[in-house]
């Protein structure tokens, strides 16, 4: 049956189109994101990013866990690897690396006497605390006494010869003292050095030893005496020889005396393991006291002479 185009269609007879039942703006549906859902940036998981096994490094061992405890850097050992003994000298004495004093090894007397010239030369030409420290292990009383007796005899003989060539030796004929008596007096004084030199040597060494102990010294008396004789004997012989020359010998003796003081400081440093400052105090304090006493004696003598002149 043909449908009349003018006949109104029953709304219920046919289902209306779906697009007619929806609003026009909804006919296209919900627009989809052409890029899809936005990607959330990935964050590392809280656990170890390397997982149970550490990643392999090409050509090497796997790295350690970077989150583990840091490695403690290497520290050198606290003790001195070069010597068991403390550094040579006290804390203020740093003249060289750690040094262990040589063990006492005295030589036989004959060998010790043969070595003395080389030791004298070494001490005089290489002044320093280490030079004395290398020699002090050979100290013994027999070589100390040999050197003392030798220097006393040599000084006595040279002193006697010096008196013979002195201008004051030949007394005028009118003098109440004969030449024979004067000759005997000079000979007695000269050979008295054999007793006086060892006596005054040990007195001086005892004073230095006591002062060194007061400043913290650690040495022995025989070692101090031995090292002192290593410069005292050659300098004493040289000054006695040049003393035969008038005037010039006095200048040489003064220079030798100053050098002897320097060597004495080095010897005290080596034997007693003292710093240069303390060793200098040990040596210079007695010299200062002697100079003060000498100045006081001269002052008293001048006062007496002035008083005697004024009384006349």
C-alpha atoms as a PDB file:
ATOM      1  CA  UNK A   1       0.000   0.000   0.000  1.00  0.00           C
ATOM      2  CA  UNK A   2       1.446   3.263  -1.062  1.00  0.00           C
ATOM      3  CA  UNK A   3       1.977   5.855   1.490  1.00  0.00           C
ATOM      4  CA  UNK A   4       0.409   9.220   1.133  1.00  0.00           C
ATOM      5  CA  UNK A   5       3.162  11.737   1.419  1.00  0.00           C
ATOM      6  CA  UNK A   6       0.705  14.123   3.037  1.00  0.00           C
ATOM      7  CA  UNK A   7      -0.204  11.580   5.643  1.00  0.00           C
ATOM      8  CA  UNK A   8       1.367  12.353   8.998  1.00  0.00           C
ATOM      9  CA  UNK A   9       3.497   9.593  10.175  1.00  0.00           C
ATOM     10  CA  UNK A  10       2.840   8.039  13.500  1.00  0.00           C
ATOM     11  CA  UNK A  11       5.737   8.655  15.811  1.00  0.00           C
ATOM     12  CA  UNK A  12       5.343   5.266  17.285  1.00  0.00           C
ATOM     13  CA  UNK A  13       5.159   3.496  13.934  1.00  0.00           C
ATOM     14  CA  UNK A  14       8.905   3.890  13.316  1.00  0.00           C
ATOM     15  CA  UNK A  15      11.741   4.530  15.583  1.00  0.00           C
ATOM     16  CA  UNK A  16      13.052   7.988  15.088  1.00  0.00           C
ATOM     17  CA  UNK A  17      16.678   8.286  14.021  1.00  0.00           C
ATOM     18  CA  UNK A  18      19.134   8.193  16.833  1.00  0.00           C
ATOM     19  CA  UNK A  19      20.632  11.488  15.836  1.00  0.00           C
ATOM     20  CA  UNK A  20      17.273  13.178  16.168  1.00  0.00           C
ATOM     21  CA  UNK A  21      16.864  11.944  19.729  1.00  0.00           C
ATOM     22  CA  UNK A  22      20.189  13.543  20.881  1.00  0.00           C
ATOM     23  CA  UNK A  23      21.224  17.122  21.075  1.00  0.00           C
ATOM     24  CA  UNK A  24      23.178  18.369  18.111  1.00  0.00           C
ATOM     25  CA  UNK A  25      26.360  18.896  20.082  1.00  0.00           C
ATOM     26  CA  UNK A  26      26.256  15.375  21.282  1.00  0.00           C
ATOM     27  CA  UNK A  27      25.888  13.835  17.897  1.00  0.00           C
ATOM     28  CA  UNK A  28      29.638  13.610  17.502  1.00  0.00           C
ATOM     29  CA  UNK A  29      30.185  11.804  20.724  1.00  0.00           C
ATOM     30  CA  UNK A  30      32.827  12.545  23.290  1.00  0.00           C
ATOM     31  CA  UNK A  31      36.058  13.615  21.526  1.00  0.00           C
ATOM     32  CA  UNK A  32      38.906  11.331  22.246  1.00  0.00           C
ATOM     33  CA  UNK A  33      42.405  12.559  23.120  1.00  0.00           C
ATOM     34  CA  UNK A  34      44.337  12.152  19.896  1.00  0.00           C
ATOM     35  CA  UNK A  35      47.503  11.617  21.905  1.00  0.00           C
ATOM     36  CA  UNK A  36      45.997   9.091  24.230  1.00  0.00           C
ATOM     37  CA  UNK A  37      46.256   9.333  27.980  1.00  0.00           C
ATOM     38  CA  UNK A  38      49.045  11.597  29.200  1.00  0.00           C
ATOM     39  CA  UNK A  39      52.031   9.554  30.216  1.00  0.00           C
ATOM     40  CA  UNK A  40      53.038   9.946  33.847  1.00  0.00           C
ATOM     41  CA  UNK A  41      56.841  10.333  34.127  1.00  0.00           C
ATOM     42  CA  UNK A  42      58.378   7.279  35.610  1.00  0.00           C
ATOM     43  CA  UNK A  43      60.097   7.661  38.947  1.00  0.00           C
ATOM     44  CA  UNK A  44      62.747   5.212  40.186  1.00  0.00           C
ATOM     45  CA  UNK A  45      61.403   2.664  42.595  1.00  0.00           C
ATOM     46  CA  UNK A  46      62.447   3.087  46.173  1.00  0.00           C
ATOM     47  CA  UNK A  47      64.283  -0.219  46.188  1.00  0.00           C
ATOM     48  CA  UNK A  48      67.755  -0.748  44.807  1.00  0.00           C
ATOM     49  CA  UNK A  49      67.556   0.150  41.081  1.00  0.00           C
ATOM     50  CA  UNK A  50      70.096  -2.521  40.336  1.00  0.00           C
ATOM     51  CA  UNK A  51      67.797  -5.216  41.594  1.00  0.00           C
ATOM     52  CA  UNK A  52      69.068  -8.372  43.090  1.00  0.00           C
ATOM     53  CA  UNK A  53      72.062  -8.518  40.801  1.00  0.00           C
ATOM     54  CA  UNK A  54      74.412  -5.624  40.095  1.00  0.00           C
ATOM     55  CA  UNK A  55      74.698  -4.608  36.424  1.00  0.00           C
ATOM     56  CA  UNK A  56      77.680  -5.964  34.663  1.00  0.00           C
ATOM     57  CA  UNK A  57      80.345  -3.476  33.686  1.00  0.00           C
ATOM     58  CA  UNK A  58      81.966  -4.363  30.390  1.00  0.00           C
ATOM     59  CA  UNK A  59      85.494  -5.574  30.893  1.00  0.00           C
ATOM     60  CA  UNK A  60      85.497  -5.319  34.684  1.00  0.00           C
ATOM     61  CA  UNK A  61      84.016  -6.489  37.948  1.00  0.00           C
ATOM     62  CA  UNK A  62      80.514  -5.330  38.896  1.00  0.00           C
ATOM     63  CA  UNK A  63      80.482  -2.058  40.827  1.00  0.00           C
ATOM     64  CA  UNK A  64      79.684  -2.035  44.455  1.00  0.00           C
ATOM     65  CA  UNK A  65      76.425  -0.798  45.757  1.00  0.00           C
ATOM     66  CA  UNK A  66      76.553   3.028  45.542  1.00  0.00           C
ATOM     67  CA  UNK A  67      74.217   3.281  48.493  1.00  0.00           C
ATOM     68  CA  UNK A  68      76.436   1.212  50.772  1.00  0.00           C
ATOM     69  CA  UNK A  69      78.694   2.724  53.430  1.00  0.00           C
ATOM     70  CA  UNK A  70      81.623   4.728  52.007  1.00  0.00           C
ATOM     71  CA  UNK A  71      85.041   3.160  52.117  1.00  0.00           C
ATOM     72  CA  UNK A  72      87.398   4.550  54.784  1.00  0.00           C
ATOM     73  CA  UNK A  73      90.481   6.095  53.111  1.00  0.00           C
ATOM     74  CA  UNK A  74      93.882   4.539  53.809  1.00  0.00           C
ATOM     75  CA  UNK A  75      95.666   5.871  56.836  1.00  0.00           C
ATOM     76  CA  UNK A  76      99.382   5.315  57.448  1.00  0.00           C
ATOM     77  CA  UNK A  77     100.344   3.390  60.591  1.00  0.00           C
ATOM     78  CA  UNK A  78     100.726   5.450  63.725  1.00  0.00           C
ATOM     79  CA  UNK A  79     104.123   4.089  64.689  1.00  0.00           C
ATOM     80  CA  UNK A  80     107.350   5.172  63.056  1.00  0.00           C
ATOM     81  CA  UNK A  81     108.146   2.540  60.404  1.00  0.00           C
ATOM     82  CA  UNK A  82     111.804   3.527  60.233  1.00  0.00           C
ATOM     83  CA  UNK A  83     112.918   3.335  63.850  1.00  0.00           C
ATOM     84  CA  UNK A  84     111.645   1.979  67.107  1.00  0.00           C
ATOM     85  CA  UNK A  85     113.214   4.777  69.133  1.00  0.00           C
ATOM     86  CA  UNK A  86     111.802   8.324  69.277  1.00  0.00           C
ATOM     87  CA  UNK A  87     113.310  10.966  67.003  1.00  0.00           C
ATOM     88  CA  UNK A  88     116.822  11.989  67.882  1.00  0.00           C
ATOM     89  CA  UNK A  89     116.736  14.738  70.498  1.00  0.00           C
ATOM     90  CA  UNK A  90     113.628  15.974  72.274  1.00  0.00           C
ATOM     91  CA  UNK A  91     110.492  17.297  70.611  1.00  0.00           C
ATOM     92  CA  UNK A  92     112.089  20.593  69.659  1.00  0.00           C
ATOM     93  CA  UNK A  93     115.127  18.994  68.102  1.00  0.00           C
ATOM     94  CA  UNK A  94     114.380  18.086  64.465  1.00  0.00           C
ATOM     95  CA  UNK A  95     117.831  18.135  62.899  1.00  0.00           C
ATOM     96  CA  UNK A  96     117.149  15.030  60.850  1.00  0.00           C
ATOM     97  CA  UNK A  97     115.032  11.903  60.436  1.00  0.00           C
ATOM     98  CA  UNK A  98     114.308   9.512  63.245  1.00  0.00           C
ATOM     99  CA  UNK A  99     117.581   8.265  64.623  1.00  0.00           C
ATOM    100  CA  UNK A 100     118.448   5.380  66.893  1.00  0.00           C
ATOM    101  CA  UNK A 101     121.668   5.924  68.868  1.00  0.00           C
ATOM    102  CA  UNK A 102     124.294   3.272  68.122  1.00  0.00           C
ATOM    103  CA  UNK A 103     124.722   0.459  70.560  1.00  0.00           C
ATOM    104  CA  UNK A 104     127.768   0.631  72.810  1.00  0.00           C
ATOM    105  CA  UNK A 105     130.501  -1.293  71.019  1.00  0.00           C
ATOM    106  CA  UNK A 106     133.915  -0.286  72.417  1.00  0.00           C
ATOM    107  CA  UNK A 107     136.859  -1.248  70.266  1.00  0.00           C
ATOM    108  CA  UNK A 108     139.969  -3.044  71.536  1.00  0.00           C
ATOM    109  CA  UNK A 109     142.455  -0.527  72.863  1.00  0.00           C
ATOM    110  CA  UNK A 110     144.979  -0.993  70.062  1.00  0.00           C
ATOM    111  CA  UNK A 111     142.355  -0.609  67.341  1.00  0.00           C
ATOM    112  CA  UNK A 112     140.785   2.361  69.120  1.00  0.00           C
ATOM    113  CA  UNK A 113     144.163   4.161  69.227  1.00  0.00           C
ATOM    114  CA  UNK A 114     144.723   3.518  65.509  1.00  0.00           C
ATOM    115  CA  UNK A 115     141.306   4.953  64.669  1.00  0.00           C
ATOM    116  CA  UNK A 116     141.797   8.169  66.635  1.00  0.00           C
ATOM    117  CA  UNK A 117     143.410  10.249  63.836  1.00  0.00           C
ATOM    118  CA  UNK A 118     140.515   9.544  61.468  1.00  0.00           C
ATOM    119  CA  UNK A 119     138.020  10.314  64.216  1.00  0.00           C
ATOM    120  CA  UNK A 120     139.742  13.618  65.008  1.00  0.00           C
ATOM    121  CA  UNK A 121     139.668  14.600  61.350  1.00  0.00           C
ATOM    122  CA  UNK A 122     136.033  13.629  60.944  1.00  0.00           C
ATOM    123  CA  UNK A 123     134.898  15.571  64.006  1.00  0.00           C
ATOM    124  CA  UNK A 124     136.859  18.713  63.089  1.00  0.00           C
ATOM    125  CA  UNK A 125     135.874  18.768  59.410  1.00  0.00           C
ATOM    126  CA  UNK A 126     132.273  17.589  59.755  1.00  0.00           C
ATOM    127  CA  UNK A 127     130.941  19.415  62.810  1.00  0.00           C
ATOM    128  CA  UNK A 128     127.475  18.377  63.838  1.00  0.00           C
ATOM    129  CA  UNK A 129     125.468  16.392  66.355  1.00  0.00           C
ATOM    130  CA  UNK A 130     125.126  13.427  63.998  1.00  0.00           C
ATOM    131  CA  UNK A 131     128.918  13.157  63.629  1.00  0.00           C
ATOM    132  CA  UNK A 132     129.332  12.792  67.391  1.00  0.00           C
ATOM    133  CA  UNK A 133     126.383  10.410  67.540  1.00  0.00           C
ATOM    134  CA  UNK A 134     128.110   8.102  65.077  1.00  0.00           C
ATOM    135  CA  UNK A 135     131.264   8.000  67.213  1.00  0.00           C
ATOM    136  CA  UNK A 136     129.907   7.816  70.740  1.00  0.00           C
ATOM    137  CA  UNK A 137     129.183   4.077  70.589  1.00  0.00           C
ATOM    138  CA  UNK A 138     132.956   3.436  70.827  1.00  0.00           C
ATOM    139  CA  UNK A 139     133.309   5.123  74.227  1.00  0.00           C
ATOM    140  CA  UNK A 140     135.193   3.317  76.990  1.00  0.00           C
ATOM    141  CA  UNK A 141     137.295   4.360  79.959  1.00  0.00           C
ATOM    142  CA  UNK A 142     140.578   2.924  78.671  1.00  0.00           C
ATOM    143  CA  UNK A 143     140.642   5.093  75.535  1.00  0.00           C
ATOM    144  CA  UNK A 144     139.506   8.093  77.605  1.00  0.00           C
ATOM    145  CA  UNK A 145     142.509   7.747  79.931  1.00  0.00           C
ATOM    146  CA  UNK A 146     144.920   7.159  77.059  1.00  0.00           C
ATOM    147  CA  UNK A 147     143.854  10.394  75.394  1.00  0.00           C
ATOM    148  CA  UNK A 148     143.954  12.363  78.638  1.00  0.00           C
ATOM    149  CA  UNK A 149     147.461  11.208  79.538  1.00  0.00           C
ATOM    150  CA  UNK A 150     148.670  11.833  75.979  1.00  0.00           C
ATOM    151  CA  UNK A 151     147.334  15.396  75.816  1.00  0.00           C
ATOM    152  CA  UNK A 152     148.717  16.141  79.294  1.00  0.00           C
ATOM    153  CA  UNK A 153     152.238  14.978  78.353  1.00  0.00           C
ATOM    154  CA  UNK A 154     152.191  16.776  75.002  1.00  0.00           C
ATOM    155  CA  UNK A 155     150.948  19.985  76.609  1.00  0.00           C
ATOM    156  CA  UNK A 156     153.608  19.767  79.318  1.00  0.00           C
ATOM    157  CA  UNK A 157     156.440  19.315  76.813  1.00  0.00           C
ATOM    158  CA  UNK A 158     155.236  22.078  74.482  1.00  0.00           C
ATOM    159  CA  UNK A 159     154.611  24.376  77.434  1.00  0.00           C
ATOM    160  CA  UNK A 160     158.141  23.826  78.658  1.00  0.00           C
ATOM    161  CA  UNK A 161     159.559  24.560  75.186  1.00  0.00           C
ATOM    162  CA  UNK A 162     157.431  27.676  74.953  1.00  0.00           C
ATOM    163  CA  UNK A 163     158.849  28.895  78.252  1.00  0.00           C
ATOM    164  CA  UNK A 164     162.418  28.314  77.058  1.00  0.00           C
ATOM    165  CA  UNK A 165     161.994  30.461  73.953  1.00  0.00           C
ATOM    166  CA  UNK A 166     160.080  33.165  75.786  1.00  0.00           C
ATOM    167  CA  UNK A 167     161.936  36.532  76.016  1.00  0.00           C
ATOM    168  CA  UNK A 168     161.366  36.632  79.766  1.00  0.00           C
ATOM    169  CA  UNK A 169     163.199  33.361  80.335  1.00  0.00           C
ATOM    170  CA  UNK A 170     166.704  34.871  80.418  1.00  0.00           C
ATOM    171  CA  UNK A 171     166.734  36.923  83.583  1.00  0.00           C
ATOM    172  CA  UNK A 172     169.257  39.730  84.034  1.00  0.00           C
ATOM    173  CA  UNK A 173     172.370  38.921  86.024  1.00  0.00           C
ATOM    174  CA  UNK A 174     171.287  41.258  88.841  1.00  0.00           C
ATOM    175  CA  UNK A 175     168.113  39.252  89.417  1.00  0.00           C
ATOM    176  CA  UNK A 176     167.954  37.465  92.773  1.00  0.00           C
ATOM    177  CA  UNK A 177     166.588  34.361  91.008  1.00  0.00           C
ATOM    178  CA  UNK A 178     169.220  32.373  89.162  1.00  0.00           C
ATOM    179  CA  UNK A 179     168.574  30.858  85.778  1.00  0.00           C
ATOM    180  CA  UNK A 180     168.881  27.392  87.271  1.00  0.00           C
ATOM    181  CA  UNK A 181     166.167  28.093  89.827  1.00  0.00           C
ATOM    182  CA  UNK A 182     163.942  29.653  87.173  1.00  0.00           C
ATOM    183  CA  UNK A 183     164.539  26.667  84.945  1.00  0.00           C
ATOM    184  CA  UNK A 184     163.431  24.331  87.735  1.00  0.00           C
ATOM    185  CA  UNK A 185     160.267  26.352  88.420  1.00  0.00           C
ATOM    186  CA  UNK A 186     159.261  26.396  84.772  1.00  0.00           C
ATOM    187  CA  UNK A 187     159.910  22.680  84.447  1.00  0.00           C
ATOM    188  CA  UNK A 188     157.814  21.976  87.550  1.00  0.00           C
ATOM    189  CA  UNK A 189     154.905  24.074  86.323  1.00  0.00           C
ATOM    190  CA  UNK A 190     155.069  22.553  82.856  1.00  0.00           C
ATOM    191  CA  UNK A 191     155.079  18.981  84.051  1.00  0.00           C
ATOM    192  CA  UNK A 192     152.406  19.798  86.589  1.00  0.00           C
ATOM    193  CA  UNK A 193     150.099  19.820  83.588  1.00  0.00           C
ATOM    194  CA  UNK A 194     150.182  16.023  83.661  1.00  0.00           C
ATOM    195  CA  UNK A 195     148.135  16.167  86.870  1.00  0.00           C
ATOM    196  CA  UNK A 196     146.258  19.438  86.368  1.00  0.00           C
ATOM    197  CA  UNK A 197     144.868  18.723  82.898  1.00  0.00           C
ATOM    198  CA  UNK A 198     143.004  15.488  83.853  1.00  0.00           C
ATOM    199  CA  UNK A 199     141.878  17.087  87.117  1.00  0.00           C
ATOM    200  CA  UNK A 200     140.390  20.203  85.532  1.00  0.00           C
ATOM    201  CA  UNK A 201     139.015  18.162  82.633  1.00  0.00           C
ATOM    202  CA  UNK A 202     136.914  15.975  84.911  1.00  0.00           C
ATOM    203  CA  UNK A 203     135.795  18.971  86.974  1.00  0.00           C
ATOM    204  CA  UNK A 204     134.583  20.722  83.832  1.00  0.00           C
ATOM    205  CA  UNK A 205     132.899  17.582  82.504  1.00  0.00           C
ATOM    206  CA  UNK A 206     131.172  17.052  85.835  1.00  0.00           C
ATOM    207  CA  UNK A 207     129.699  20.562  85.707  1.00  0.00           C
ATOM    208  CA  UNK A 208     128.478  20.051  82.145  1.00  0.00           C
ATOM    209  CA  UNK A 209     127.082  16.623  83.002  1.00  0.00           C
ATOM    210  CA  UNK A 210     125.101  17.991  85.938  1.00  0.00           C
ATOM    211  CA  UNK A 211     123.670  20.842  83.866  1.00  0.00           C
ATOM    212  CA  UNK A 212     122.776  18.459  81.045  1.00  0.00           C
ATOM    213  CA  UNK A 213     120.886  16.227  83.460  1.00  0.00           C
ATOM    214  CA  UNK A 214     119.088  19.278  84.813  1.00  0.00           C
ATOM    215  CA  UNK A 215     117.908  20.056  81.264  1.00  0.00           C
ATOM    216  CA  UNK A 216     116.695  16.498  80.700  1.00  0.00           C
ATOM    217  CA  UNK A 217     119.858  14.862  79.343  1.00  0.00           C
ATOM    218  CA  UNK A 218     119.979  11.089  78.883  1.00  0.00           C
ATOM    219  CA  UNK A 219     123.685  10.405  78.296  1.00  0.00           C
ATOM    220  CA  UNK A 220     126.431   8.757  80.331  1.00  0.00           C
ATOM    221  CA  UNK A 221     129.478  10.464  81.789  1.00  0.00           C
ATOM    222  CA  UNK A 222     131.990   8.209  80.017  1.00  0.00           C
ATOM    223  CA  UNK A 223     130.354   8.874  76.648  1.00  0.00           C
ATOM    224  CA  UNK A 224     130.385  12.629  77.261  1.00  0.00           C
ATOM    225  CA  UNK A 225     134.068  12.516  78.220  1.00  0.00           C
ATOM    226  CA  UNK A 226     134.930  10.410  75.188  1.00  0.00           C
ATOM    227  CA  UNK A 227     133.173  12.642  72.653  1.00  0.00           C
ATOM    228  CA  UNK A 228     134.682  15.746  74.257  1.00  0.00           C
ATOM    229  CA  UNK A 229     138.196  14.367  73.887  1.00  0.00           C
ATOM    230  CA  UNK A 230     137.631  13.825  70.159  1.00  0.00           C
ATOM    231  CA  UNK A 231     137.942  17.589  69.643  1.00  0.00           C
ATOM    232  CA  UNK A 232     139.700  18.609  72.859  1.00  0.00           C
ATOM    233  CA  UNK A 233     142.866  16.622  72.081  1.00  0.00           C
ATOM    234  CA  UNK A 234     143.534  17.832  68.505  1.00  0.00           C
ATOM    235  CA  UNK A 235     142.614  21.445  69.295  1.00  0.00           C
ATOM    236  CA  UNK A 236     144.786  21.341  72.413  1.00  0.00           C
ATOM    237  CA  UNK A 237     147.767  20.071  70.419  1.00  0.00           C
ATOM    238  CA  UNK A 238     147.294  22.731  67.724  1.00  0.00           C
ATOM    239  CA  UNK A 239     147.028  25.584  70.228  1.00  0.00           C
ATOM    240  CA  UNK A 240     150.104  24.328  72.099  1.00  0.00           C
ATOM    241  CA  UNK A 241     152.122  24.222  68.874  1.00  0.00           C
ATOM    242  CA  UNK A 242     151.049  27.652  67.618  1.00  0.00           C
ATOM    243  CA  UNK A 243     151.642  28.964  71.132  1.00  0.00           C
ATOM    244  CA  UNK A 244     155.334  28.698  70.358  1.00  0.00           C
ATOM    245  CA  UNK A 245     154.883  31.596  67.924  1.00  0.00           C
ATOM    246  CA  UNK A 246     154.561  34.914  69.804  1.00  0.00           C
ATOM    247  CA  UNK A 247     151.407  36.992  69.192  1.00  0.00           C
ATOM    248  CA  UNK A 248     150.235  34.935  66.221  1.00  0.00           C
ATOM    249  CA  UNK A 249     149.734  31.930  68.467  1.00  0.00           C
ATOM    250  CA  UNK A 250     147.381  33.904  70.722  1.00  0.00           C
ATOM    251  CA  UNK A 251     145.102  34.787  67.803  1.00  0.00           C
ATOM    252  CA  UNK A 252     144.970  31.179  66.642  1.00  0.00           C
ATOM    253  CA  UNK A 253     144.281  30.029  70.198  1.00  0.00           C
ATOM    254  CA  UNK A 254     141.344  32.446  70.489  1.00  0.00           C
ATOM    255  CA  UNK A 255     139.797  31.232  67.231  1.00  0.00           C
ATOM    256  CA  UNK A 256     140.337  27.610  68.268  1.00  0.00           C
ATOM    257  CA  UNK A 257     138.658  28.296  71.615  1.00  0.00           C
ATOM    258  CA  UNK A 258     135.543  29.649  69.902  1.00  0.00           C
ATOM    259  CA  UNK A 259     135.392  26.641  67.600  1.00  0.00           C
ATOM    260  CA  UNK A 260     135.799  24.378  70.609  1.00  0.00           C
ATOM    261  CA  UNK A 261     132.679  25.904  72.172  1.00  0.00           C
ATOM    262  CA  UNK A 262     130.688  25.155  69.013  1.00  0.00           C
ATOM    263  CA  UNK A 263     131.858  21.547  68.962  1.00  0.00           C
ATOM    264  CA  UNK A 264     131.046  21.196  72.647  1.00  0.00           C
ATOM    265  CA  UNK A 265     127.430  22.168  71.950  1.00  0.00           C
ATOM    266  CA  UNK A 266     127.174  19.527  69.221  1.00  0.00           C
ATOM    267  CA  UNK A 267     128.680  16.889  71.505  1.00  0.00           C
ATOM    268  CA  UNK A 268     126.177  17.653  74.288  1.00  0.00           C
ATOM    269  CA  UNK A 269     123.327  17.462  71.771  1.00  0.00           C
ATOM    270  CA  UNK A 270     124.462  14.015  70.607  1.00  0.00           C
ATOM    271  CA  UNK A 271     125.296  12.452  73.964  1.00  0.00           C
ATOM    272  CA  UNK A 272     122.326  13.737  75.956  1.00  0.00           C
ATOM    273  CA  UNK A 273     119.817  13.982  73.073  1.00  0.00           C
ATOM    274  CA  UNK A 274     119.078  17.634  73.760  1.00  0.00           C
ATOM    275  CA  UNK A 275     117.932  20.373  71.436  1.00  0.00           C
ATOM    276  CA  UNK A 276     120.382  22.995  70.236  1.00  0.00           C
ATOM    277  CA  UNK A 277     118.911  25.572  72.588  1.00  0.00           C
ATOM    278  CA  UNK A 278     119.284  23.436  75.693  1.00  0.00           C
ATOM    279  CA  UNK A 279     122.739  22.202  74.740  1.00  0.00           C
ATOM    280  CA  UNK A 280     123.842  25.807  74.173  1.00  0.00           C
ATOM    281  CA  UNK A 281     122.587  26.707  77.631  1.00  0.00           C
ATOM    282  CA  UNK A 282     124.498  23.786  79.162  1.00  0.00           C
ATOM    283  CA  UNK A 283     127.762  24.943  77.558  1.00  0.00           C
ATOM    284  CA  UNK A 284     127.369  28.710  77.855  1.00  0.00           C
ATOM    285  CA  UNK A 285     126.162  28.942  81.449  1.00  0.00           C
ATOM    286  CA  UNK A 286     129.528  27.877  82.964  1.00  0.00           C
ATOM    287  CA  UNK A 287     131.376  30.178  80.553  1.00  0.00           C
ATOM    288  CA  UNK A 288     129.164  33.068  81.579  1.00  0.00           C
ATOM    289  CA  UNK A 289     129.738  32.359  85.255  1.00  0.00           C
ATOM    290  CA  UNK A 290     133.517  32.233  84.736  1.00  0.00           C
ATOM    291  CA  UNK A 291     133.453  35.538  82.854  1.00  0.00           C
ATOM    292  CA  UNK A 292     131.413  37.181  85.602  1.00  0.00           C
ATOM    293  CA  UNK A 293     133.826  35.922  88.250  1.00  0.00           C
ATOM    294  CA  UNK A 294     136.781  37.143  86.189  1.00  0.00           C
ATOM    295  CA  UNK A 295     135.197  40.578  85.779  1.00  0.00           C
ATOM    296  CA  UNK A 296     134.498  40.725  89.515  1.00  0.00           C
ATOM    297  CA  UNK A 297     138.079  39.725  90.311  1.00  0.00           C
ATOM    298  CA  UNK A 298     139.460  42.373  87.965  1.00  0.00           C
ATOM    299  CA  UNK A 299     137.169  44.984  89.474  1.00  0.00           C
ATOM    300  CA  UNK A 300     138.331  44.112  93.002  1.00  0.00           C
ATOM    301  CA  UNK A 301     141.984  44.151  91.907  1.00  0.00           C
ATOM    302  CA  UNK A 302     141.605  47.550  90.245  1.00  0.00           C
ATOM    303  CA  UNK A 303     139.901  48.915  93.360  1.00  0.00           C
ATOM    304  CA  UNK A 304     142.770  47.703  95.554  1.00  0.00           C
ATOM    305  CA  UNK A 305     145.377  49.218  93.211  1.00  0.00           C
ATOM    306  CA  UNK A 306     143.570  52.554  93.084  1.00  0.00           C
ATOM    307  CA  UNK A 307     143.275  52.620  96.866  1.00  0.00           C
ATOM    308  CA  UNK A 308     146.985  51.827  97.202  1.00  0.00           C
ATOM    309  CA  UNK A 309     147.939  54.625  94.815  1.00  0.00           C
ATOM    310  CA  UNK A 310     145.715  57.151  96.583  1.00  0.00           C
ATOM    311  CA  UNK A 311     147.144  56.192  99.995  1.00  0.00           C
ATOM    312  CA  UNK A 312     150.583  57.235  98.793  1.00  0.00           C
END
